[in-house]
Amino acid sequence: SLQPRAVAEWSRGEMRILANVGLNLRGEEVLHNLSVANQFAYGVGVDVPFASGRDFAASAMLGGTLGLGENNAEERPLEILGAVRWAVMRGLGVQVGLGRGLSSGYGTPAWRGIVSASWTPEAR
């Protein structure tokens, strides 16, 4: 498969709005009434730090896909996710979040939880 994407970011102060659009290009697979082939994929999110620092931030994301062949409900997964992030120390962050599926599309969760850690080394 091939998944080209275009990504954009807009910021005002420390708040950021991010968006991506693209295609999921792949051969068709059929299982009962589900047909998965080429898709249009999209996502939009916002990241807002608490107060004036970046030690704590909240983020929200909405994303999904639309089938380019079939256009039934199961070919249109849609999900929303909210999270909080904490910069534990310089370069180290942790994030926890909870999401919910908004459609009956394949792969859409009833609920999804995330826990992540990130490390960003400082430039020398």
Protein backbone atom coordinates (compact mmCIF):
# COMPACT_ATOMS: atom_id res chain seq x y z
CA SER A 1 0.00 0.00 0.00
CA LEU A 2 0.96 3.64 -0.36
CA GLN A 3 -0.24 6.41 1.96
CA PRO A 4 0.74 9.90 0.75
CA ARG A 5 -0.24 12.77 3.09
CA ALA A 6 -0.28 16.56 3.11
CA VAL A 7 0.13 18.10 6.56
CA ALA A 8 -0.49 21.68 7.71
CA GLU A 9 -0.03 23.48 11.03
CA TRP A 10 -1.27 26.88 12.14
CA SER A 11 -0.28 28.40 15.47
CA ARG A 12 -1.27 31.42 17.46
CA GLY A 13 0.95 31.88 20.45
CA GLU A 14 1.44 28.42 21.89
CA MET A 15 -1.86 26.98 20.61
CA ARG A 16 -1.54 24.84 17.47
CA ILE A 17 -4.12 23.56 15.01
CA LEU A 18 -2.98 20.67 12.82
CA ALA A 19 -4.61 19.02 9.82
CA ASN A 20 -3.74 16.26 7.40
CA VAL A 21 -5.34 14.86 4.28
CA GLY A 22 -4.23 12.04 2.07
CA LEU A 23 -4.94 8.80 0.32
CA ASN A 24 -4.64 5.18 1.36
CA LEU A 25 -3.87 3.42 -1.91
CA ARG A 26 -4.18 -0.37 -1.86
CA GLY A 27 -5.73 -3.34 -3.62
CA GLU A 28 -9.34 -4.20 -2.82
CA GLU A 29 -10.13 -6.69 -0.03
CA VAL A 30 -13.68 -7.96 0.51
CA LEU A 31 -15.10 -9.67 3.60
CA HIS A 32 -18.87 -10.23 3.65
CA ASN A 33 -20.41 -6.74 3.19
CA LEU A 34 -17.11 -4.85 3.82
CA SER A 35 -15.07 -3.73 0.85
CA VAL A 36 -11.77 -1.98 1.65
CA ALA A 37 -9.81 -0.43 -1.19
CA ASN A 38 -8.57 3.09 -1.89
CA GLN A 39 -9.56 5.67 0.73
CA PHE A 40 -9.46 9.38 1.39
CA ALA A 41 -7.98 9.91 4.88
CA TYR A 42 -8.25 13.04 7.02
CA GLY A 43 -7.57 14.35 10.49
CA VAL A 44 -7.72 17.63 12.38
CA GLY A 45 -6.44 18.37 15.86
CA VAL A 46 -5.74 21.11 18.35
CA ASP A 47 -3.01 21.35 21.00
CA VAL A 48 -3.44 23.93 23.78
CA PRO A 49 -0.87 24.41 26.58
CA PHE A 50 -2.23 25.23 30.05
CA ALA A 51 -1.22 28.71 31.29
CA SER A 52 1.84 30.21 29.57
CA GLY A 53 4.22 27.26 29.76
CA ARG A 54 4.38 23.97 27.89
CA ASP A 55 4.65 21.76 31.00
CA PHE A 56 0.99 20.70 30.65
CA ALA A 57 -1.14 20.69 27.50
CA ALA A 58 -4.48 19.37 26.30
CA SER A 59 -5.11 18.06 22.82
CA ALA A 60 -8.05 16.79 20.80
CA MET A 61 -8.15 15.00 17.44
CA LEU A 62 -10.85 13.97 14.99
CA GLY A 63 -9.90 11.59 12.20
CA GLY A 64 -11.24 9.05 9.79
CA THR A 65 -11.38 7.75 6.25
CA LEU A 66 -13.86 7.65 3.38
CA GLY A 67 -13.93 4.75 0.95
CA LEU A 68 -13.45 5.91 -2.65
CA GLY A 69 -15.32 2.92 -4.12
CA GLU A 70 -18.07 1.73 -1.82
CA ASN A 71 -19.66 4.39 0.35
CA ASN A 72 -21.55 2.41 3.00
CA ALA A 73 -21.37 3.21 6.73
CA GLU A 74 -18.81 0.47 7.36
CA GLU A 75 -16.42 2.12 4.86
CA ARG A 76 -16.47 5.44 6.81
CA PRO A 77 -14.67 4.99 10.16
CA LEU A 78 -14.57 8.14 12.34
CA GLU A 79 -12.98 8.63 15.76
CA ILE A 80 -12.40 11.42 18.29
CA LEU A 81 -9.59 11.42 20.85
CA GLY A 82 -8.70 13.75 23.74
CA ALA A 83 -5.47 13.71 25.75
CA VAL A 84 -3.36 15.57 28.29
CA ARG A 85 0.42 15.83 28.08
CA TRP A 86 2.95 16.54 30.82
CA ALA A 87 6.56 17.57 30.23
CA VAL A 88 8.07 15.64 33.13
CA MET A 89 11.52 17.11 32.54
CA ARG A 90 13.40 18.71 29.64
CA GLY A 91 13.04 16.36 26.68
CA LEU A 92 10.78 13.79 28.43
CA GLY A 93 6.99 13.86 28.12
CA VAL A 94 4.12 11.57 29.01
CA GLN A 95 0.62 11.60 27.57
CA VAL A 96 -2.66 9.89 28.51
CA GLY A 97 -5.88 10.03 26.54
CA LEU A 98 -9.25 8.55 25.82
CA GLY A 99 -11.11 8.28 22.53
CA ARG A 100 -14.42 7.10 21.19
CA GLY A 101 -15.61 5.86 17.83
CA LEU A 102 -18.25 8.09 16.26
CA SER A 103 -19.35 5.74 13.48
CA SER A 104 -19.86 2.06 12.82
CA GLY A 105 -16.99 1.92 10.31
CA TYR A 106 -14.54 -1.00 10.40
CA GLY A 107 -11.73 -0.53 12.91
CA THR A 108 -13.66 2.15 14.79
CA PRO A 109 -13.36 1.47 18.53
CA ALA A 110 -16.16 1.74 21.04
CA TRP A 111 -13.45 3.27 23.28
CA ARG A 112 -9.69 3.65 22.91
CA GLY A 113 -7.18 4.55 25.63
CA ILE A 114 -3.63 5.72 25.06
CA VAL A 115 -0.59 6.07 27.28
CA SER A 116 2.63 7.24 25.69
CA ALA A 117 6.08 8.54 26.54
CA SER A 118 8.29 10.64 24.29
CA TRP A 119 11.92 11.64 24.39
CA THR A 120 13.24 14.58 22.38
CA PRO A 121 17.01 15.02 22.67
CA GLU A 122 18.26 18.59 22.82
CA ALA A 123 20.09 20.00 19.81
CA ARG A 124 23.79 20.60 20.39
